[in-house]
Amino acid sequence: MKQMDRRLLILMRLREERAVTAHELAEACECSVRTIYRDIDALCAAGVPVAAMAGEGYRVVAGYRLPPIAFTVEEATQLLLGAELAPPLGTADQRTAARSGAAKVEAALDDATRLEVERWRERISVASDEREAPSPWLPDVLRSVLDDRVLRIRYHAFGSDEVTEREVEPYHLFYGEDWYLVGYCRLRQGGRVFRTSRIQHAEVLPERVERRATSMVRQERDEPVIEVRVWIDARAVPWARGQTVWGFVREEPAESGSVFVVRTPDLRQLLPWILRWGGAARVLSPPDLVERLREEVEAMSRVYQWPPRTAGAASIATDTPLSRGPSTVASTVAEMQ
């Protein structure tokens, strides 16, 4: 970390409500305690009133205010581009906050920086996303997480196709192609991860809960997790890396390609991703997914046969894109380029 960045971080930490020790600052800045002492001396020499509190650590004297923050062109551009990502992902309040925050960043820029940022933004942009709107219950989920209050939900488990009423002690909300709630499910008596788009109804209850330790709220799916191994032809691997499916764990080297390892609670969710690669992909395990994929290919074959005729399972199974060999793989990869 550069000296200026390190001292700015130290100053930010010293402005916190509680005192911070030199060891904590050294850990945060990834440097030695001796370096922290030198930086604190430098801040004091620059006029920052740092108080040493015996047995507690350091902090800035109450009432001290920093001058307005000056953003670099890179910092301002990244913040404004990030604000453009918020509208398709968040709630109405989050979208409003993103626009308000972006306006404040722009207002804090000097004329020269503002002109340079505009020049950057003419050349760098975030494409509008036509993704589905977030769950209508997302504001309730967010409120329960922030207020540490029990959330009662009616939840549709995709794998078992069951709808159940549950009470959840919320822990964390994160985004990964959808919003997910991590919490302690009182019905299942364990940590669970709930996809908010599958919540059919939500109600924030008055009951408040103490946040459980991270180890007590393991990030588990609401259904058993299955490990899937899919071989991808080497010529399609670069595209597969850029379009990994939710649940992707790792990529392993393999002959003439790579094996993509995915963990999922529902095999059906992987069918569109596997079919995307045509003959450039082959499911290695589990056998159940191979069978489901075969059934899907048979159904697709019947839809596109002309003139219509009845197709037997055996005839279809021996005439899939995978069975037709390298030529189909080559055509699939060629279409990606």
C-alpha atoms as a PDB file:
ATOM      1  CA  MET A   1       0.000   0.000   0.000  1.00  0.00           C
ATOM      2  CA  LYS A   2       1.319   3.438  -0.929  1.00  0.00           C
ATOM      3  CA  GLN A   3       2.243   5.813   1.884  1.00  0.00           C
ATOM      4  CA  MET A   4      -0.505   8.334   1.065  1.00  0.00           C
ATOM      5  CA  ASP A   5      -3.165   5.620   0.825  1.00  0.00           C
ATOM      6  CA  ARG A   6      -1.982   4.096   4.103  1.00  0.00           C
ATOM      7  CA  ARG A   7      -2.115   7.403   5.961  1.00  0.00           C
ATOM      8  CA  LEU A   8      -5.565   8.182   4.591  1.00  0.00           C
ATOM      9  CA  LEU A   9      -6.776   4.772   5.799  1.00  0.00           C
ATOM     10  CA  ILE A  10      -5.233   5.400   9.231  1.00  0.00           C
ATOM     11  CA  LEU A  11      -6.974   8.768   9.401  1.00  0.00           C
ATOM     12  CA  MET A  12     -10.315   7.179   8.513  1.00  0.00           C
ATOM     13  CA  ARG A  13      -9.868   4.557  11.245  1.00  0.00           C
ATOM     14  CA  LEU A  14      -8.835   7.172  13.813  1.00  0.00           C
ATOM     15  CA  ARG A  15     -12.118   8.996  13.211  1.00  0.00           C
ATOM     16  CA  GLU A  16     -14.160   5.997  14.365  1.00  0.00           C
ATOM     17  CA  GLU A  17     -16.082   6.217  17.637  1.00  0.00           C
ATOM     18  CA  ARG A  18     -13.830   3.798  19.492  1.00  0.00           C
ATOM     19  CA  ALA A  19     -10.089   4.076  19.864  1.00  0.00           C
ATOM     20  CA  VAL A  20      -7.982   1.820  17.647  1.00  0.00           C
ATOM     21  CA  THR A  21      -4.656   0.259  18.597  1.00  0.00           C
ATOM     22  CA  ALA A  22      -1.427   0.437  16.619  1.00  0.00           C
ATOM     23  CA  HIS A  23      -1.562  -3.341  16.123  1.00  0.00           C
ATOM     24  CA  GLU A  24      -5.069  -3.094  14.613  1.00  0.00           C
ATOM     25  CA  LEU A  25      -3.900  -0.337  12.280  1.00  0.00           C
ATOM     26  CA  ALA A  26      -0.837  -2.355  11.286  1.00  0.00           C
ATOM     27  CA  GLU A  27      -3.025  -5.337  10.448  1.00  0.00           C
ATOM     28  CA  ALA A  28      -5.433  -3.198   8.405  1.00  0.00           C
ATOM     29  CA  CYS A  29      -2.587  -1.521   6.510  1.00  0.00           C
ATOM     30  CA  GLU A  30      -0.486  -4.690   6.189  1.00  0.00           C
ATOM     31  CA  CYS A  31       2.615  -3.012   7.588  1.00  0.00           C
ATOM     32  CA  SER A  32       4.678  -2.977  10.772  1.00  0.00           C
ATOM     33  CA  VAL A  33       3.657  -1.294  14.021  1.00  0.00           C
ATOM     34  CA  ARG A  34       6.757   0.893  13.755  1.00  0.00           C
ATOM     35  CA  THR A  35       5.488   2.204  10.403  1.00  0.00           C
ATOM     36  CA  ILE A  36       2.154   3.033  12.044  1.00  0.00           C
ATOM     37  CA  TYR A  37       3.930   5.052  14.737  1.00  0.00           C
ATOM     38  CA  ARG A  38       5.796   7.033  12.058  1.00  0.00           C
ATOM     39  CA  ASP A  39       2.567   7.666  10.141  1.00  0.00           C
ATOM     40  CA  ILE A  40       0.763   8.894  13.269  1.00  0.00           C
ATOM     41  CA  ASP A  41       3.663  11.255  13.986  1.00  0.00           C
ATOM     42  CA  ALA A  42       3.412  12.528  10.401  1.00  0.00           C
ATOM     43  CA  LEU A  43      -0.330  13.141  10.780  1.00  0.00           C
ATOM     44  CA  CYS A  44       0.261  15.062  14.001  1.00  0.00           C
ATOM     45  CA  ALA A  45       2.936  17.151  12.270  1.00  0.00           C
ATOM     46  CA  ALA A  46       0.408  17.941   9.525  1.00  0.00           C
ATOM     47  CA  GLY A  47      -2.010  19.346  12.085  1.00  0.00           C
ATOM     48  CA  VAL A  48      -4.266  16.354  12.753  1.00  0.00           C
ATOM     49  CA  PRO A  49      -5.035  16.245  16.520  1.00  0.00           C
ATOM     50  CA  VAL A  50      -4.419  12.569  17.369  1.00  0.00           C
ATOM     51  CA  ALA A  51      -4.948  11.626  21.018  1.00  0.00           C
ATOM     52  CA  ALA A  52      -3.207   8.630  22.621  1.00  0.00           C
ATOM     53  CA  MET A  53      -5.549   7.004  25.153  1.00  0.00           C
ATOM     54  CA  ALA A  54      -3.776   4.830  27.715  1.00  0.00           C
ATOM     55  CA  GLY A  55      -4.830   1.202  27.459  1.00  0.00           C
ATOM     56  CA  GLU A  56      -7.202   1.892  24.568  1.00  0.00           C
ATOM     57  CA  GLY A  57      -5.280   3.171  21.559  1.00  0.00           C
ATOM     58  CA  TYR A  58      -5.485   6.213  19.323  1.00  0.00           C
ATOM     59  CA  ARG A  59      -8.284   8.385  17.997  1.00  0.00           C
ATOM     60  CA  VAL A  60      -8.796  11.844  16.541  1.00  0.00           C
ATOM     61  CA  VAL A  61      -9.876  14.495  19.051  1.00  0.00           C
ATOM     62  CA  ALA A  62     -13.659  14.969  18.991  1.00  0.00           C
ATOM     63  CA  GLY A  63     -14.813  17.859  16.823  1.00  0.00           C
ATOM     64  CA  TYR A  64     -12.041  17.599  14.241  1.00  0.00           C
ATOM     65  CA  ARG A  65     -13.323  17.747  10.677  1.00  0.00           C
ATOM     66  CA  LEU A  66     -11.522  16.765   7.505  1.00  0.00           C
ATOM     67  CA  PRO A  67     -11.478  19.092   4.500  1.00  0.00           C
ATOM     68  CA  PRO A  68     -13.708  18.045   1.555  1.00  0.00           C
ATOM     69  CA  ILE A  69     -12.641  14.791  -0.104  1.00  0.00           C
ATOM     70  CA  ALA A  70     -10.994  15.155  -3.514  1.00  0.00           C
ATOM     71  CA  PHE A  71     -11.774  12.271  -5.868  1.00  0.00           C
ATOM     72  CA  THR A  72      -9.339  11.219  -8.565  1.00  0.00           C
ATOM     73  CA  VAL A  73     -10.686  10.721 -12.085  1.00  0.00           C
ATOM     74  CA  GLU A  74     -10.435   6.944 -11.662  1.00  0.00           C
ATOM     75  CA  GLU A  75     -12.256   6.957  -8.305  1.00  0.00           C
ATOM     76  CA  ALA A  76     -15.083   9.195  -9.511  1.00  0.00           C
ATOM     77  CA  THR A  77     -15.567   7.198 -12.716  1.00  0.00           C
ATOM     78  CA  GLN A  78     -15.755   3.881 -10.866  1.00  0.00           C
ATOM     79  CA  LEU A  79     -18.244   5.254  -8.329  1.00  0.00           C
ATOM     80  CA  LEU A  80     -20.494   6.696 -11.043  1.00  0.00           C
ATOM     81  CA  LEU A  81     -20.355   3.525 -13.135  1.00  0.00           C
ATOM     82  CA  GLY A  82     -21.191   1.518 -10.028  1.00  0.00           C
ATOM     83  CA  ALA A  83     -24.219   3.726  -9.416  1.00  0.00           C
ATOM     84  CA  GLU A  84     -25.453   2.891 -12.916  1.00  0.00           C
ATOM     85  CA  LEU A  85     -25.521  -0.805 -11.965  1.00  0.00           C
ATOM     86  CA  ALA A  86     -27.970  -0.234  -9.098  1.00  0.00           C
ATOM     87  CA  PRO A  87     -31.267   0.465 -10.956  1.00  0.00           C
ATOM     88  CA  PRO A  88     -31.811  -3.037 -12.395  1.00  0.00           C
ATOM     89  CA  LEU A  89     -30.705  -4.781  -9.188  1.00  0.00           C
ATOM     90  CA  GLY A  90     -32.161  -3.042  -6.182  1.00  0.00           C
ATOM     91  CA  THR A  91     -35.324  -1.735  -4.604  1.00  0.00           C
ATOM     92  CA  ALA A  92     -36.865   1.656  -5.366  1.00  0.00           C
ATOM     93  CA  ASP A  93     -35.152   3.126  -2.292  1.00  0.00           C
ATOM     94  CA  GLN A  94     -31.809   1.713  -3.393  1.00  0.00           C
ATOM     95  CA  ARG A  95     -32.234   3.184  -6.877  1.00  0.00           C
ATOM     96  CA  THR A  96     -33.041   6.573  -5.375  1.00  0.00           C
ATOM     97  CA  ALA A  97     -30.017   6.340  -3.069  1.00  0.00           C
ATOM     98  CA  ALA A  98     -27.773   5.422  -6.015  1.00  0.00           C
ATOM     99  CA  ARG A  99     -28.907   8.448  -8.022  1.00  0.00           C
ATOM    100  CA  SER A 100     -28.534  10.723  -4.994  1.00  0.00           C
ATOM    101  CA  GLY A 101     -25.065   9.381  -4.226  1.00  0.00           C
ATOM    102  CA  ALA A 102     -23.957   9.814  -7.843  1.00  0.00           C
ATOM    103  CA  ALA A 103     -25.166  13.419  -7.810  1.00  0.00           C
ATOM    104  CA  LYS A 104     -23.167  14.111  -4.634  1.00  0.00           C
ATOM    105  CA  VAL A 105     -20.025  12.613  -6.146  1.00  0.00           C
ATOM    106  CA  GLU A 106     -20.402  14.774  -9.246  1.00  0.00           C
ATOM    107  CA  ALA A 107     -21.045  17.861  -7.126  1.00  0.00           C
ATOM    108  CA  ALA A 108     -17.807  17.260  -5.192  1.00  0.00           C
ATOM    109  CA  LEU A 109     -15.648  17.262  -8.333  1.00  0.00           C
ATOM    110  CA  ASP A 110     -13.654  20.293  -9.371  1.00  0.00           C
ATOM    111  CA  ASP A 111     -14.147  21.564 -12.917  1.00  0.00           C
ATOM    112  CA  ALA A 112     -11.041  19.924 -14.368  1.00  0.00           C
ATOM    113  CA  THR A 113     -11.810  16.528 -12.839  1.00  0.00           C
ATOM    114  CA  ARG A 114     -15.470  16.741 -13.874  1.00  0.00           C
ATOM    115  CA  LEU A 115     -14.527  17.369 -17.510  1.00  0.00           C
ATOM    116  CA  GLU A 116     -12.090  14.456 -17.484  1.00  0.00           C
ATOM    117  CA  VAL A 117     -14.683  12.163 -15.869  1.00  0.00           C
ATOM    118  CA  GLU A 118     -17.203  13.112 -18.567  1.00  0.00           C
ATOM    119  CA  ARG A 119     -14.609  12.282 -21.208  1.00  0.00           C
ATOM    120  CA  TRP A 120     -14.125   8.855 -19.625  1.00  0.00           C
ATOM    121  CA  ARG A 121     -17.865   8.225 -19.376  1.00  0.00           C
ATOM    122  CA  GLU A 122     -18.287   8.994 -23.068  1.00  0.00           C
ATOM    123  CA  ARG A 123     -15.979   6.061 -23.726  1.00  0.00           C
ATOM    124  CA  ILE A 124     -16.947   3.703 -20.869  1.00  0.00           C
ATOM    125  CA  SER A 125     -20.523   2.797 -20.001  1.00  0.00           C
ATOM    126  CA  VAL A 126     -22.715   0.155 -18.393  1.00  0.00           C
ATOM    127  CA  ALA A 127     -25.192  -1.450 -20.787  1.00  0.00           C
ATOM    128  CA  SER A 128     -28.800  -1.328 -19.644  1.00  0.00           C
ATOM    129  CA  ASP A 129     -29.891  -4.694 -18.285  1.00  0.00           C
ATOM    130  CA  GLU A 130     -33.271  -6.133 -19.189  1.00  0.00           C
ATOM    131  CA  ARG A 131     -33.211  -8.606 -16.307  1.00  0.00           C
ATOM    132  CA  GLU A 132     -36.395  -9.291 -14.394  1.00  0.00           C
ATOM    133  CA  ALA A 133     -37.329  -6.901 -11.612  1.00  0.00           C
ATOM    134  CA  PRO A 134     -36.210  -8.016  -8.144  1.00  0.00           C
ATOM    135  CA  SER A 135     -38.659  -9.762  -5.846  1.00  0.00           C
ATOM    136  CA  PRO A 136     -41.481  -7.493  -4.623  1.00  0.00           C
ATOM    137  CA  TRP A 137     -40.652  -8.779  -1.138  1.00  0.00           C
ATOM    138  CA  LEU A 138     -37.027  -7.609  -1.301  1.00  0.00           C
ATOM    139  CA  PRO A 139     -37.711  -4.422   0.744  1.00  0.00           C
ATOM    140  CA  ASP A 140     -39.183  -6.551   3.566  1.00  0.00           C
ATOM    141  CA  VAL A 141     -36.230  -8.937   3.438  1.00  0.00           C
ATOM    142  CA  LEU A 142     -33.800  -6.021   3.530  1.00  0.00           C
ATOM    143  CA  ARG A 143     -35.602  -4.426   6.474  1.00  0.00           C
ATOM    144  CA  SER A 144     -35.512  -7.677   8.451  1.00  0.00           C
ATOM    145  CA  VAL A 145     -31.756  -8.018   7.852  1.00  0.00           C
ATOM    146  CA  LEU A 146     -30.965  -4.430   8.845  1.00  0.00           C
ATOM    147  CA  ASP A 147     -33.263  -4.409  11.890  1.00  0.00           C
ATOM    148  CA  ASP A 148     -32.354  -7.944  13.092  1.00  0.00           C
ATOM    149  CA  ARG A 149     -36.020  -8.941  13.120  1.00  0.00           C
ATOM    150  CA  VAL A 150     -37.561 -12.333  12.413  1.00  0.00           C
ATOM    151  CA  LEU A 151     -38.933 -12.743   8.890  1.00  0.00           C
ATOM    152  CA  ARG A 152     -41.945 -14.948   8.198  1.00  0.00           C
ATOM    153  CA  ILE A 153     -42.001 -16.177   4.599  1.00  0.00           C
ATOM    154  CA  ARG A 154     -43.985 -18.437   2.322  1.00  0.00           C
ATOM    155  CA  TYR A 155     -41.269 -20.123   0.283  1.00  0.00           C
ATOM    156  CA  HIS A 156     -41.356 -22.259  -2.860  1.00  0.00           C
ATOM    157  CA  ALA A 157     -38.500 -24.780  -2.829  1.00  0.00           C
ATOM    158  CA  PHE A 158     -37.744 -25.350  -6.506  1.00  0.00           C
ATOM    159  CA  GLY A 159     -36.191 -28.788  -6.153  1.00  0.00           C
ATOM    160  CA  SER A 160     -38.986 -30.403  -4.118  1.00  0.00           C
ATOM    161  CA  ASP A 161     -41.690 -28.140  -5.612  1.00  0.00           C
ATOM    162  CA  GLU A 162     -43.062 -27.596  -2.098  1.00  0.00           C
ATOM    163  CA  VAL A 163     -44.431 -24.387  -0.613  1.00  0.00           C
ATOM    164  CA  THR A 164     -43.861 -24.006   3.128  1.00  0.00           C
ATOM    165  CA  GLU A 165     -44.373 -21.364   5.791  1.00  0.00           C
ATOM    166  CA  ARG A 166     -41.174 -20.539   7.664  1.00  0.00           C
ATOM    167  CA  GLU A 167     -39.758 -18.171  10.235  1.00  0.00           C
ATOM    168  CA  VAL A 168     -36.204 -17.080   9.481  1.00  0.00           C
ATOM    169  CA  GLU A 169     -33.669 -15.320  11.686  1.00  0.00           C
ATOM    170  CA  PRO A 170     -31.960 -13.139   9.052  1.00  0.00           C
ATOM    171  CA  TYR A 171     -28.200 -12.941   8.860  1.00  0.00           C
ATOM    172  CA  HIS A 172     -27.051 -11.638   5.482  1.00  0.00           C
ATOM    173  CA  LEU A 173     -28.365 -10.558   2.068  1.00  0.00           C
ATOM    174  CA  PHE A 174     -26.188 -10.974  -1.006  1.00  0.00           C
ATOM    175  CA  TYR A 175     -26.510 -10.713  -4.783  1.00  0.00           C
ATOM    176  CA  GLY A 176     -25.436 -13.342  -7.318  1.00  0.00           C
ATOM    177  CA  GLU A 177     -27.683 -13.221 -10.416  1.00  0.00           C
ATOM    178  CA  ASP A 178     -30.515 -12.899  -7.883  1.00  0.00           C
ATOM    179  CA  TRP A 179     -30.855 -11.710  -4.287  1.00  0.00           C
ATOM    180  CA  TYR A 180     -30.307 -14.412  -1.652  1.00  0.00           C
ATOM    181  CA  LEU A 181     -31.122 -14.345   2.051  1.00  0.00           C
ATOM    182  CA  VAL A 182     -28.831 -16.206   4.440  1.00  0.00           C
ATOM    183  CA  GLY A 183     -30.464 -17.020   7.745  1.00  0.00           C
ATOM    184  CA  TYR A 184     -31.379 -19.540  10.408  1.00  0.00           C
ATOM    185  CA  CYS A 185     -34.538 -21.422   9.428  1.00  0.00           C
ATOM    186  CA  ARG A 186     -36.595 -22.353  12.476  1.00  0.00           C
ATOM    187  CA  LEU A 187     -38.555 -24.916  10.467  1.00  0.00           C
ATOM    188  CA  ARG A 188     -35.445 -26.822   9.323  1.00  0.00           C
ATOM    189  CA  GLN A 189     -33.472 -26.011  12.494  1.00  0.00           C
ATOM    190  CA  GLY A 190     -30.387 -24.948  10.587  1.00  0.00           C
ATOM    191  CA  GLY A 191     -28.692 -22.388   8.362  1.00  0.00           C
ATOM    192  CA  ARG A 192     -30.269 -21.933   4.939  1.00  0.00           C
ATOM    193  CA  VAL A 193     -29.976 -19.744   1.849  1.00  0.00           C
ATOM    194  CA  PHE A 194     -33.250 -18.553   0.337  1.00  0.00           C
ATOM    195  CA  ARG A 195     -33.605 -17.182  -3.183  1.00  0.00           C
ATOM    196  CA  THR A 196     -35.779 -14.083  -2.834  1.00  0.00           C
ATOM    197  CA  SER A 197     -37.494 -14.624  -6.197  1.00  0.00           C
ATOM    198  CA  ARG A 198     -39.014 -17.804  -4.706  1.00  0.00           C
ATOM    199  CA  ILE A 199     -40.519 -15.974  -1.736  1.00  0.00           C
ATOM    200  CA  GLN A 200     -44.276 -15.779  -2.333  1.00  0.00           C
ATOM    201  CA  HIS A 201     -45.022 -13.675   0.735  1.00  0.00           C
ATOM    202  CA  ALA A 202     -42.974 -12.029   3.480  1.00  0.00           C
ATOM    203  CA  GLU A 203     -43.790 -10.367   6.780  1.00  0.00           C
ATOM    204  CA  VAL A 204     -41.351  -8.691   9.158  1.00  0.00           C
ATOM    205  CA  LEU A 205     -42.256  -9.729  12.706  1.00  0.00           C
ATOM    206  CA  PRO A 206     -41.777  -7.555  15.823  1.00  0.00           C
ATOM    207  CA  GLU A 207     -39.474 -10.139  17.427  1.00  0.00           C
ATOM    208  CA  ARG A 208     -35.821  -9.129  17.413  1.00  0.00           C
ATOM    209  CA  VAL A 209     -32.998 -11.657  17.395  1.00  0.00           C
ATOM    210  CA  GLU A 210     -29.309 -11.639  18.200  1.00  0.00           C
ATOM    211  CA  ARG A 211     -27.130 -12.231  15.165  1.00  0.00           C
ATOM    212  CA  ARG A 212     -25.786 -15.766  15.178  1.00  0.00           C
ATOM    213  CA  ALA A 213     -22.098 -16.436  14.696  1.00  0.00           C
ATOM    214  CA  THR A 214     -21.005 -17.066  11.114  1.00  0.00           C
ATOM    215  CA  SER A 215     -20.203 -20.686  11.953  1.00  0.00           C
ATOM    216  CA  MET A 216     -23.799 -21.213  13.119  1.00  0.00           C
ATOM    217  CA  VAL A 217     -25.323 -19.895   9.902  1.00  0.00           C
ATOM    218  CA  ARG A 218     -23.694 -21.943   7.200  1.00  0.00           C
ATOM    219  CA  GLN A 219     -24.508 -20.924   3.656  1.00  0.00           C
ATOM    220  CA  GLU A 220     -26.454 -24.003   2.599  1.00  0.00           C
ATOM    221  CA  ARG A 221     -29.153 -24.378   0.009  1.00  0.00           C
ATOM    222  CA  ASP A 222     -32.625 -25.351   1.093  1.00  0.00           C
ATOM    223  CA  GLU A 223     -32.228 -28.594  -0.883  1.00  0.00           C
ATOM    224  CA  PRO A 224     -29.410 -31.187  -0.887  1.00  0.00           C
ATOM    225  CA  VAL A 225     -26.469 -29.958  -2.960  1.00  0.00           C
ATOM    226  CA  ILE A 226     -25.343 -32.145  -5.883  1.00  0.00           C
ATOM    227  CA  GLU A 227     -21.889 -31.963  -7.464  1.00  0.00           C
ATOM    228  CA  VAL A 228     -21.943 -31.915 -11.269  1.00  0.00           C
ATOM    229  CA  ARG A 229     -18.968 -32.437 -13.596  1.00  0.00           C
ATOM    230  CA  VAL A 230     -19.199 -31.202 -17.189  1.00  0.00           C
ATOM    231  CA  TRP A 231     -16.452 -31.606 -19.797  1.00  0.00           C
ATOM    232  CA  ILE A 232     -16.078 -28.592 -22.122  1.00  0.00           C
ATOM    233  CA  ASP A 233     -14.132 -28.752 -25.391  1.00  0.00           C
ATOM    234  CA  ALA A 234     -10.919 -26.691 -25.304  1.00  0.00           C
ATOM    235  CA  ARG A 235     -12.157 -24.427 -28.109  1.00  0.00           C
ATOM    236  CA  ALA A 236     -15.269 -23.516 -26.094  1.00  0.00           C
ATOM    237  CA  VAL A 237     -13.545 -23.160 -22.709  1.00  0.00           C
ATOM    238  CA  PRO A 238     -12.821 -19.394 -23.062  1.00  0.00           C
ATOM    239  CA  TRP A 239     -16.531 -18.711 -23.627  1.00  0.00           C
ATOM    240  CA  ALA A 240     -17.595 -21.077 -20.867  1.00  0.00           C
ATOM    241  CA  ARG A 241     -15.300 -19.255 -18.427  1.00  0.00           C
ATOM    242  CA  GLY A 242     -17.036 -16.000 -19.234  1.00  0.00           C
ATOM    243  CA  GLN A 243     -20.521 -17.468 -18.810  1.00  0.00           C
ATOM    244  CA  THR A 244     -20.249 -19.716 -15.775  1.00  0.00           C
ATOM    245  CA  VAL A 245     -23.458 -20.857 -14.166  1.00  0.00           C
ATOM    246  CA  TRP A 246     -24.505 -20.055 -10.577  1.00  0.00           C
ATOM    247  CA  GLY A 247     -22.923 -22.645  -8.296  1.00  0.00           C
ATOM    248  CA  PHE A 248     -19.678 -22.913 -10.276  1.00  0.00           C
ATOM    249  CA  VAL A 249     -16.898 -24.202  -7.988  1.00  0.00           C
ATOM    250  CA  ARG A 250     -13.769 -24.745 -10.054  1.00  0.00           C
ATOM    251  CA  GLU A 251     -12.271 -25.676 -13.409  1.00  0.00           C
ATOM    252  CA  GLU A 252     -10.064 -28.763 -13.751  1.00  0.00           C
ATOM    253  CA  PRO A 253      -7.709 -29.501 -16.673  1.00  0.00           C
ATOM    254  CA  ALA A 254      -8.744 -32.476 -18.808  1.00  0.00           C
ATOM    255  CA  GLU A 255      -7.837 -34.087 -22.123  1.00  0.00           C
ATOM    256  CA  SER A 256      -8.839 -31.826 -25.041  1.00  0.00           C
ATOM    257  CA  GLY A 257     -10.611 -29.420 -22.719  1.00  0.00           C
ATOM    258  CA  SER A 258     -11.571 -28.706 -19.129  1.00  0.00           C
ATOM    259  CA  VAL A 259     -13.972 -30.123 -16.567  1.00  0.00           C
ATOM    260  CA  PHE A 260     -16.255 -27.547 -14.958  1.00  0.00           C
ATOM    261  CA  VAL A 261     -17.384 -28.522 -11.461  1.00  0.00           C
ATOM    262  CA  VAL A 262     -20.713 -27.075 -10.333  1.00  0.00           C
ATOM    263  CA  ARG A 263     -22.659 -27.568  -7.095  1.00  0.00           C
ATOM    264  CA  THR A 264     -26.419 -27.127  -7.347  1.00  0.00           C
ATOM    265  CA  PRO A 265     -29.533 -28.140  -5.392  1.00  0.00           C
ATOM    266  CA  ASP A 266     -31.502 -28.679  -8.603  1.00  0.00           C
ATOM    267  CA  LEU A 267     -30.164 -30.381 -11.739  1.00  0.00           C
ATOM    268  CA  ARG A 268     -32.833 -28.803 -13.931  1.00  0.00           C
ATOM    269  CA  GLN A 269     -31.248 -25.403 -13.444  1.00  0.00           C
ATOM    270  CA  LEU A 270     -28.154 -26.578 -15.331  1.00  0.00           C
ATOM    271  CA  LEU A 271     -29.917 -27.832 -18.468  1.00  0.00           C
ATOM    272  CA  PRO A 272     -30.022 -24.457 -20.298  1.00  0.00           C
ATOM    273  CA  TRP A 273     -26.350 -23.805 -19.529  1.00  0.00           C
ATOM    274  CA  ILE A 274     -25.232 -27.243 -20.767  1.00  0.00           C
ATOM    275  CA  LEU A 275     -27.412 -27.131 -23.890  1.00  0.00           C
ATOM    276  CA  ARG A 276     -25.921 -23.729 -24.727  1.00  0.00           C
ATOM    277  CA  TRP A 277     -22.641 -25.420 -25.631  1.00  0.00           C
ATOM    278  CA  GLY A 278     -24.189 -28.066 -27.893  1.00  0.00           C
ATOM    279  CA  GLY A 279     -21.679 -30.717 -28.907  1.00  0.00           C
ATOM    280  CA  ALA A 280     -18.895 -28.848 -27.122  1.00  0.00           C
ATOM    281  CA  ALA A 281     -20.118 -30.106 -23.722  1.00  0.00           C
ATOM    282  CA  ARG A 282     -20.518 -33.567 -22.217  1.00  0.00           C
ATOM    283  CA  VAL A 283     -21.906 -34.353 -18.760  1.00  0.00           C
ATOM    284  CA  LEU A 284     -19.621 -36.737 -16.871  1.00  0.00           C
ATOM    285  CA  SER A 285     -21.677 -37.013 -13.685  1.00  0.00           C
ATOM    286  CA  PRO A 286     -24.107 -37.534 -12.088  1.00  0.00           C
ATOM    287  CA  PRO A 287     -25.938 -40.176 -14.200  1.00  0.00           C
ATOM    288  CA  ASP A 288     -29.288 -38.616 -13.299  1.00  0.00           C
ATOM    289  CA  LEU A 289     -28.324 -35.412 -15.111  1.00  0.00           C
ATOM    290  CA  VAL A 290     -27.193 -37.396 -18.154  1.00  0.00           C
ATOM    291  CA  GLU A 291     -30.629 -39.019 -18.269  1.00  0.00           C
ATOM    292  CA  ARG A 292     -32.435 -35.700 -17.859  1.00  0.00           C
ATOM    293  CA  LEU A 293     -30.328 -34.168 -20.611  1.00  0.00           C
ATOM    294  CA  ARG A 294     -31.107 -37.095 -22.896  1.00  0.00           C
ATOM    295  CA  GLU A 295     -34.827 -36.641 -22.243  1.00  0.00           C
ATOM    296  CA  GLU A 296     -34.545 -32.923 -23.004  1.00  0.00           C
ATOM    297  CA  VAL A 297     -32.725 -33.591 -26.284  1.00  0.00           C
ATOM    298  CA  GLU A 298     -35.380 -36.138 -27.249  1.00  0.00           C
ATOM    299  CA  ALA A 299     -38.137 -33.627 -26.540  1.00  0.00           C
ATOM    300  CA  MET A 300     -36.351 -30.957 -28.595  1.00  0.00           C
ATOM    301  CA  SER A 301     -35.824 -33.408 -31.432  1.00  0.00           C
ATOM    302  CA  ARG A 302     -39.534 -34.209 -31.566  1.00  0.00           C
ATOM    303  CA  VAL A 303     -40.382 -30.502 -31.683  1.00  0.00           C
ATOM    304  CA  TYR A 304     -38.093 -29.812 -34.651  1.00  0.00           C
ATOM    305  CA  GLN A 305     -38.691 -32.963 -36.726  1.00  0.00           C
ATOM    306  CA  TRP A 306     -40.337 -32.339 -40.099  1.00  0.00           C
ATOM    307  CA  PRO A 307     -42.459 -33.951 -41.274  1.00  0.00           C
ATOM    308  CA  PRO A 308     -43.607 -34.875 -37.745  1.00  0.00           C
ATOM    309  CA  ARG A 309     -42.931 -38.473 -36.763  1.00  0.00           C
ATOM    310  CA  THR A 310     -42.665 -40.523 -33.592  1.00  0.00           C
ATOM    311  CA  ALA A 311     -39.078 -40.873 -32.436  1.00  0.00           C
ATOM    312  CA  GLY A 312     -37.905 -43.785 -30.321  1.00  0.00           C
ATOM    313  CA  ALA A 313     -35.589 -43.180 -27.405  1.00  0.00           C
ATOM    314  CA  ALA A 314     -32.917 -45.464 -28.823  1.00  0.00           C
ATOM    315  CA  SER A 315     -32.753 -43.745 -32.211  1.00  0.00           C
ATOM    316  CA  ILE A 316     -32.474 -40.326 -30.629  1.00  0.00           C
ATOM    317  CA  ALA A 317     -29.860 -41.415 -28.121  1.00  0.00           C
ATOM    318  CA  THR A 318     -27.537 -42.565 -30.942  1.00  0.00           C
ATOM    319  CA  ASP A 319     -27.994 -39.374 -32.948  1.00  0.00           C
ATOM    320  CA  THR A 320     -27.316 -36.583 -30.487  1.00  0.00           C
ATOM    321  CA  PRO A 321     -24.898 -33.711 -31.215  1.00  0.00           C
ATOM    322  CA  LEU A 322     -22.329 -35.439 -29.005  1.00  0.00           C
ATOM    323  CA  SER A 323     -22.501 -38.680 -31.010  1.00  0.00           C
ATOM    324  CA  ARG A 324     -21.877 -36.912 -34.308  1.00  0.00           C
ATOM    325  CA  GLY A 325     -18.327 -36.103 -33.285  1.00  0.00           C
ATOM    326  CA  PRO A 326     -15.824 -33.290 -33.837  1.00  0.00           C
ATOM    327  CA  SER A 327     -17.632 -31.668 -36.779  1.00  0.00           C
ATOM    328  CA  THR A 328     -20.540 -30.668 -34.527  1.00  0.00           C
ATOM    329  CA  VAL A 329     -18.162 -29.426 -31.850  1.00  0.00           C
ATOM    330  CA  ALA A 330     -16.343 -27.329 -34.437  1.00  0.00           C
ATOM    331  CA  SER A 331     -19.569 -25.801 -35.723  1.00  0.00           C
ATOM    332  CA  THR A 332     -20.709 -24.998 -32.180  1.00  0.00           C
ATOM    333  CA  VAL A 333     -17.441 -23.230 -31.396  1.00  0.00           C
ATOM    334  CA  ALA A 334     -17.469 -21.440 -34.754  1.00  0.00           C
ATOM    335  CA  GLU A 335     -20.877 -19.961 -33.964  1.00  0.00           C
ATOM    336  CA  MET A 336     -19.476 -18.512 -30.704  1.00  0.00           C
ATOM    337  CA  GLN A 337     -16.707 -16.629 -32.481  1.00  0.00           C
END
